[in-house]
C-alpha atoms as a PDB file:
ATOM      1  CA  UNK A   1     115.529 126.350 -68.709  1.00  0.00           C
ATOM      2  CA  UNK A   2     115.317 124.894 -65.467  1.00  0.00           C
ATOM      3  CA  UNK A   3     116.381 121.161 -64.425  1.00  0.00           C
ATOM      4  CA  UNK A   4     113.564 120.498 -61.402  1.00  0.00           C
ATOM      5  CA  UNK A   5     114.894 117.149 -59.980  1.00  0.00           C
ATOM      6  CA  UNK A   6     117.957 115.327 -60.050  1.00  0.00           C
ATOM      7  CA  UNK A   7     121.371 114.789 -60.616  1.00  0.00           C
ATOM      8  CA  UNK A   8     121.417 118.160 -62.836  1.00  0.00           C
ATOM      9  CA  UNK A   9     119.064 119.173 -60.275  1.00  0.00           C
ATOM     10  CA  UNK A  10     118.556 123.157 -60.105  1.00  0.00           C
ATOM     11  CA  UNK A  11     120.871 124.127 -63.083  1.00  0.00           C
ATOM     12  CA  UNK A  12     119.875 126.841 -65.205  1.00  0.00           C
ATOM     13  CA  UNK A  13     120.188 126.654 -69.004  1.00  0.00           C
ATOM     14  CA  UNK A  14     119.967 130.140 -70.880  1.00  0.00           C
ATOM     15  CA  UNK A  15     118.035 129.165 -73.799  1.00  0.00           C
ATOM     16  CA  UNK A  16     118.830 131.589 -77.103  1.00  0.00           C
ATOM     17  CA  UNK A  17     116.123 134.390 -77.447  1.00  0.00           C
ATOM     18  CA  UNK A  18     116.338 133.648 -81.256  1.00  0.00           C
ATOM     19  CA  UNK A  19     114.643 130.389 -80.899  1.00  0.00           C
ATOM     20  CA  UNK A  20     111.462 129.291 -82.897  1.00  0.00           C
ATOM     21  CA  UNK A  21     110.712 126.393 -79.921  1.00  0.00           C
ATOM     22  CA  UNK A  22     107.733 126.396 -77.633  1.00  0.00           C
ATOM     23  CA  UNK A  23     109.676 124.747 -74.775  1.00  0.00           C
ATOM     24  CA  UNK A  24     107.121 122.974 -72.198  1.00  0.00           C
ATOM     25  CA  UNK A  25     106.488 125.377 -69.277  1.00  0.00           C
ATOM     26  CA  UNK A  26     107.799 124.452 -65.806  1.00  0.00           C
ATOM     27  CA  UNK A  27     104.572 124.492 -64.456  1.00  0.00           C
ATOM     28  CA  UNK A  28     103.609 121.593 -66.946  1.00  0.00           C
ATOM     29  CA  UNK A  29     106.747 119.817 -67.086  1.00  0.00           C
ATOM     30  CA  UNK A  30     106.673 120.153 -63.346  1.00  0.00           C
ATOM     31  CA  UNK A  31     102.773 118.733 -63.188  1.00  0.00           C
ATOM     32  CA  UNK A  32     104.144 115.819 -66.423  1.00  0.00           C
ATOM     33  CA  UNK A  33     107.055 114.819 -64.006  1.00  0.00           C
ATOM     34  CA  UNK A  34     104.803 113.998 -60.851  1.00  0.00           C
ATOM     35  CA  UNK A  35     102.582 112.540 -62.781  1.00  0.00           C
ATOM     36  CA  UNK A  36     104.972 110.282 -64.058  1.00  0.00           C
ATOM     37  CA  UNK A  37     106.936 109.044 -61.024  1.00  0.00           C
ATOM     38  CA  UNK A  38     103.752 108.491 -59.075  1.00  0.00           C
ATOM     39  CA  UNK A  39     101.877 106.730 -61.601  1.00  0.00           C
ATOM     40  CA  UNK A  40     103.909 105.025 -64.682  1.00  0.00           C
ATOM     41  CA  UNK A  41     107.459 105.505 -64.190  1.00  0.00           C
ATOM     42  CA  UNK A  42     110.171 103.857 -62.062  1.00  0.00           C
ATOM     43  CA  UNK A  43     113.434 106.618 -62.507  1.00  0.00           C
ATOM     44  CA  UNK A  44     115.411 104.044 -60.391  1.00  0.00           C
ATOM     45  CA  UNK A  45     115.129 100.852 -62.868  1.00  0.00           C
ATOM     46  CA  UNK A  46     117.028 103.338 -65.535  1.00  0.00           C
ATOM     47  CA  UNK A  47     114.449 103.527 -68.459  1.00  0.00           C
ATOM     48  CA  UNK A  48     115.645 104.456 -71.544  1.00  0.00           C
ATOM     49  CA  UNK A  49     113.699 107.448 -73.551  1.00  0.00           C
ATOM     50  CA  UNK A  50     112.829 109.143 -77.018  1.00  0.00           C
ATOM     51  CA  UNK A  51     112.559 112.491 -77.067  1.00  0.00           C
ATOM     52  CA  UNK A  52     110.728 113.478 -80.349  1.00  0.00           C
ATOM     53  CA  UNK A  53     110.796 116.884 -80.876  1.00  0.00           C
ATOM     54  CA  UNK A  54     113.725 118.060 -79.170  1.00  0.00           C
ATOM     55  CA  UNK A  55     113.218 121.747 -79.340  1.00  0.00           C
ATOM     56  CA  UNK A  56     115.312 123.397 -76.102  1.00  0.00           C
ATOM     57  CA  UNK A  57     116.326 120.056 -74.508  1.00  0.00           C
ATOM     58  CA  UNK A  58     114.277 120.581 -71.438  1.00  0.00           C
ATOM     59  CA  UNK A  59     112.397 117.311 -71.622  1.00  0.00           C
ATOM     60  CA  UNK A  60     115.235 115.397 -72.680  1.00  0.00           C
ATOM     61  CA  UNK A  61     117.745 116.766 -70.015  1.00  0.00           C
ATOM     62  CA  UNK A  62     115.014 116.289 -67.195  1.00  0.00           C
ATOM     63  CA  UNK A  63     114.464 112.287 -68.585  1.00  0.00           C
ATOM     64  CA  UNK A  64     118.113 112.069 -67.986  1.00  0.00           C
ATOM     65  CA  UNK A  65     118.865 114.214 -64.904  1.00  0.00           C
ATOM     66  CA  UNK A  66     116.274 111.686 -63.328  1.00  0.00           C
ATOM     67  CA  UNK A  67     118.014 108.774 -63.722  1.00  0.00           C
ATOM     68  CA  UNK A  68     116.887 107.473 -67.334  1.00  0.00           C
ATOM     69  CA  UNK A  69     120.208 105.106 -68.998  1.00  0.00           C
ATOM     70  CA  UNK A  70     119.714 106.389 -72.127  1.00  0.00           C
ATOM     71  CA  UNK A  71     118.008 109.353 -73.846  1.00  0.00           C
ATOM     72  CA  UNK A  72     117.782 109.937 -77.600  1.00  0.00           C
ATOM     73  CA  UNK A  73     116.015 113.918 -78.543  1.00  0.00           C
ATOM     74  CA  UNK A  74     115.788 114.139 -82.253  1.00  0.00           C
ATOM     75  CA  UNK A  75     115.090 117.522 -83.330  1.00  0.00           C
ATOM     76  CA  UNK A  76     115.198 118.483 -86.947  1.00  0.00           C
ATOM     77  CA  UNK A  77     116.180 122.490 -86.323  1.00  0.00           C
ATOM     78  CA  UNK A  78     120.218 122.801 -86.966  1.00  0.00           C
ATOM     79  CA  UNK A  79     120.689 125.492 -84.235  1.00  0.00           C
ATOM     80  CA  UNK A  80     118.029 123.824 -81.985  1.00  0.00           C
ATOM     81  CA  UNK A  81     119.911 120.778 -82.258  1.00  0.00           C
ATOM     82  CA  UNK A  82     123.559 122.497 -81.771  1.00  0.00           C
ATOM     83  CA  UNK A  83     122.214 123.879 -78.871  1.00  0.00           C
ATOM     84  CA  UNK A  84     121.135 120.496 -77.384  1.00  0.00           C
ATOM     85  CA  UNK A  85     124.546 119.382 -78.468  1.00  0.00           C
ATOM     86  CA  UNK A  86     126.323 122.149 -76.305  1.00  0.00           C
ATOM     87  CA  UNK A  87     123.986 121.749 -73.037  1.00  0.00           C
ATOM     88  CA  UNK A  88     125.176 118.143 -73.593  1.00  0.00           C
ATOM     89  CA  UNK A  89     128.870 118.635 -73.503  1.00  0.00           C
ATOM     90  CA  UNK A  90     128.399 121.319 -70.374  1.00  0.00           C
ATOM     91  CA  UNK A  91     126.618 118.874 -68.258  1.00  0.00           C
ATOM     92  CA  UNK A  92     128.811 115.693 -69.370  1.00  0.00           C
ATOM     93  CA  UNK A  93     125.295 114.421 -69.655  1.00  0.00           C
ATOM     94  CA  UNK A  94     126.634 110.870 -71.690  1.00  0.00           C
ATOM     95  CA  UNK A  95     123.305 108.972 -71.538  1.00  0.00           C
ATOM     96  CA  UNK A  96     121.941 111.954 -73.454  1.00  0.00           C
ATOM     97  CA  UNK A  97     121.898 111.920 -77.177  1.00  0.00           C
ATOM     98  CA  UNK A  98     121.067 114.659 -79.356  1.00  0.00           C
ATOM     99  CA  UNK A  99     120.287 113.747 -83.268  1.00  0.00           C
ATOM    100  CA  UNK A 100     119.362 116.096 -85.936  1.00  0.00           C
ATOM    101  CA  UNK A 101     116.880 114.808 -88.019  1.00  0.00           C
ATOM    102  CA  UNK A 102     113.545 114.545 -89.209  1.00  0.00           C
ATOM    103  CA  UNK A 103     111.528 112.453 -86.319  1.00  0.00           C
ATOM    104  CA  UNK A 104     108.672 111.270 -89.133  1.00  0.00           C
ATOM    105  CA  UNK A 105     111.876 109.720 -90.708  1.00  0.00           C
ATOM    106  CA  UNK A 106     113.702 108.664 -87.321  1.00  0.00           C
ATOM    107  CA  UNK A 107     111.187 106.344 -86.297  1.00  0.00           C
ATOM    108  CA  UNK A 108     110.619 104.640 -89.863  1.00  0.00           C
ATOM    109  CA  UNK A 109     114.155 104.014 -89.619  1.00  0.00           C
ATOM    110  CA  UNK A 110     114.846 102.905 -85.688  1.00  0.00           C
ATOM    111  CA  UNK A 111     115.398  99.617 -84.702  1.00  0.00           C
ATOM    112  CA  UNK A 112     115.533 100.355 -81.384  1.00  0.00           C
ATOM    113  CA  UNK A 113     112.590 100.501 -78.781  1.00  0.00           C
ATOM    114  CA  UNK A 114     112.035 102.349 -75.595  1.00  0.00           C
ATOM    115  CA  UNK A 115     110.443 102.715 -72.512  1.00  0.00           C
ATOM    116  CA  UNK A 116     109.098 106.216 -72.460  1.00  0.00           C
ATOM    117  CA  UNK A 117     108.516 108.277 -75.417  1.00  0.00           C
ATOM    118  CA  UNK A 118     107.798 111.680 -75.604  1.00  0.00           C
ATOM    119  CA  UNK A 119     106.768 113.884 -78.096  1.00  0.00           C
ATOM    120  CA  UNK A 120     106.331 117.623 -78.414  1.00  0.00           C
ATOM    121  CA  UNK A 121     105.752 118.774 -81.975  1.00  0.00           C
ATOM    122  CA  UNK A 122     105.010 122.232 -83.139  1.00  0.00           C
ATOM    123  CA  UNK A 123     101.064 122.753 -82.119  1.00  0.00           C
ATOM    124  CA  UNK A 124     100.613 123.583 -85.298  1.00  0.00           C
ATOM    125  CA  UNK A 125     102.079 120.793 -87.094  1.00  0.00           C
ATOM    126  CA  UNK A 126      99.923 119.216 -90.152  1.00  0.00           C
ATOM    127  CA  UNK A 127     100.231 115.711 -89.239  1.00  0.00           C
ATOM    128  CA  UNK A 128     100.433 116.052 -85.729  1.00  0.00           C
ATOM    129  CA  UNK A 129      97.296 113.314 -85.084  1.00  0.00           C
ATOM    130  CA  UNK A 130      99.631 110.646 -86.960  1.00  0.00           C
ATOM    131  CA  UNK A 131     102.391 110.900 -84.139  1.00  0.00           C
ATOM    132  CA  UNK A 132     100.741 108.005 -82.285  1.00  0.00           C
ATOM    133  CA  UNK A 133     101.001 105.429 -84.694  1.00  0.00           C
ATOM    134  CA  UNK A 134     104.372 106.094 -85.884  1.00  0.00           C
ATOM    135  CA  UNK A 135     105.951 106.189 -82.704  1.00  0.00           C
ATOM    136  CA  UNK A 136     103.968 103.779 -80.847  1.00  0.00           C
ATOM    137  CA  UNK A 137     105.998 100.746 -82.670  1.00  0.00           C
ATOM    138  CA  UNK A 138     109.346 101.873 -81.129  1.00  0.00           C
ATOM    139  CA  UNK A 139     107.835 101.621 -77.254  1.00  0.00           C
ATOM    140  CA  UNK A 140     108.780  98.907 -75.064  1.00  0.00           C
ATOM    141  CA  UNK A 141     106.122  96.329 -74.032  1.00  0.00           C
ATOM    142  CA  UNK A 142     104.830  98.226 -70.749  1.00  0.00           C
ATOM    143  CA  UNK A 143     105.861 101.104 -71.988  1.00  0.00           C
ATOM    144  CA  UNK A 144     104.537 104.602 -72.096  1.00  0.00           C
ATOM    145  CA  UNK A 145     104.003 107.219 -74.846  1.00  0.00           C
ATOM    146  CA  UNK A 146     103.462 110.819 -73.975  1.00  0.00           C
ATOM    147  CA  UNK A 147     102.168 113.652 -76.228  1.00  0.00           C
ATOM    148  CA  UNK A 148     102.459 116.973 -76.049  1.00  0.00           C
ATOM    149  CA  UNK A 149      99.689 118.963 -77.590  1.00  0.00           C
ATOM    150  CA  UNK A 150      97.416 122.218 -78.088  1.00  0.00           C
ATOM    151  CA  UNK A 151      93.401 121.821 -76.916  1.00  0.00           C
ATOM    152  CA  UNK A 152      92.449 121.461 -80.591  1.00  0.00           C
ATOM    153  CA  UNK A 153      93.275 117.758 -80.650  1.00  0.00           C
ATOM    154  CA  UNK A 154      91.881 114.802 -78.560  1.00  0.00           C
ATOM    155  CA  UNK A 155      93.056 111.458 -78.967  1.00  0.00           C
ATOM    156  CA  UNK A 156      90.586 109.557 -76.707  1.00  0.00           C
ATOM    157  CA  UNK A 157      89.156 107.192 -79.337  1.00  0.00           C
ATOM    158  CA  UNK A 158      93.173 106.195 -79.677  1.00  0.00           C
ATOM    159  CA  UNK A 159      92.999 102.127 -79.381  1.00  0.00           C
ATOM    160  CA  UNK A 160      96.236 103.145 -76.970  1.00  0.00           C
ATOM    161  CA  UNK A 161      94.984 105.661 -75.447  1.00  0.00           C
ATOM    162  CA  UNK A 162      95.013 105.481 -71.596  1.00  0.00           C
ATOM    163  CA  UNK A 163      95.084 109.236 -69.617  1.00  0.00           C
ATOM    164  CA  UNK A 164      94.462 112.989 -70.441  1.00  0.00           C
ATOM    165  CA  UNK A 165      95.837 115.994 -68.271  1.00  0.00           C
ATOM    166  CA  UNK A 166      96.020 119.419 -68.969  1.00  0.00           C
ATOM    167  CA  UNK A 167      98.016 122.116 -67.130  1.00  0.00           C
ATOM    168  CA  UNK A 168      96.902 125.239 -68.271  1.00  0.00           C
ATOM    169  CA  UNK A 169      97.229 125.643 -72.555  1.00  0.00           C
ATOM    170  CA  UNK A 170      99.422 122.298 -72.427  1.00  0.00           C
ATOM    171  CA  UNK A 171      97.764 119.056 -72.817  1.00  0.00           C
ATOM    172  CA  UNK A 172      99.295 115.608 -72.292  1.00  0.00           C
ATOM    173  CA  UNK A 173      97.646 112.812 -73.985  1.00  0.00           C
ATOM    174  CA  UNK A 174      99.237 109.146 -72.377  1.00  0.00           C
ATOM    175  CA  UNK A 175      99.093 105.984 -74.485  1.00  0.00           C
ATOM    176  CA  UNK A 176     100.924 102.324 -73.422  1.00  0.00           C
END
């Protein structure tokens, strides 16, 4: 995992080879953050971010590196969450908070709202299509939600959908 920009820029964090997570490719991650910085997010305003299905932590740590004042990464897998905590400690990233938990239970119980919500579920997750409606109540007014998914999902008919971008096999749908 490579951190592209910000205060942790250039750091390479080796991901354990036995991980089942599918990290967002560097190509897609770089494209996503270019879109965010040029069109949607002013990282100088220290937004808050919620990273659902934290996986390797690649997106969560990128948000922290670029200036988010608080980043919460929710990950169910115990070993993945342990890894997130190790990376957080190694970087001394106090603004990044890995949480072990089920994403759907977390969003139902959470009382906080965020400027940015990023969700990167397993592409084969049976209820992937439910994620926008489950997570959008946690989005602050004027905030942005990004859902990473495979090509077999189309969210253009969702009432809060605003944009879609594709980077190879990686699709990002954007919601307000």
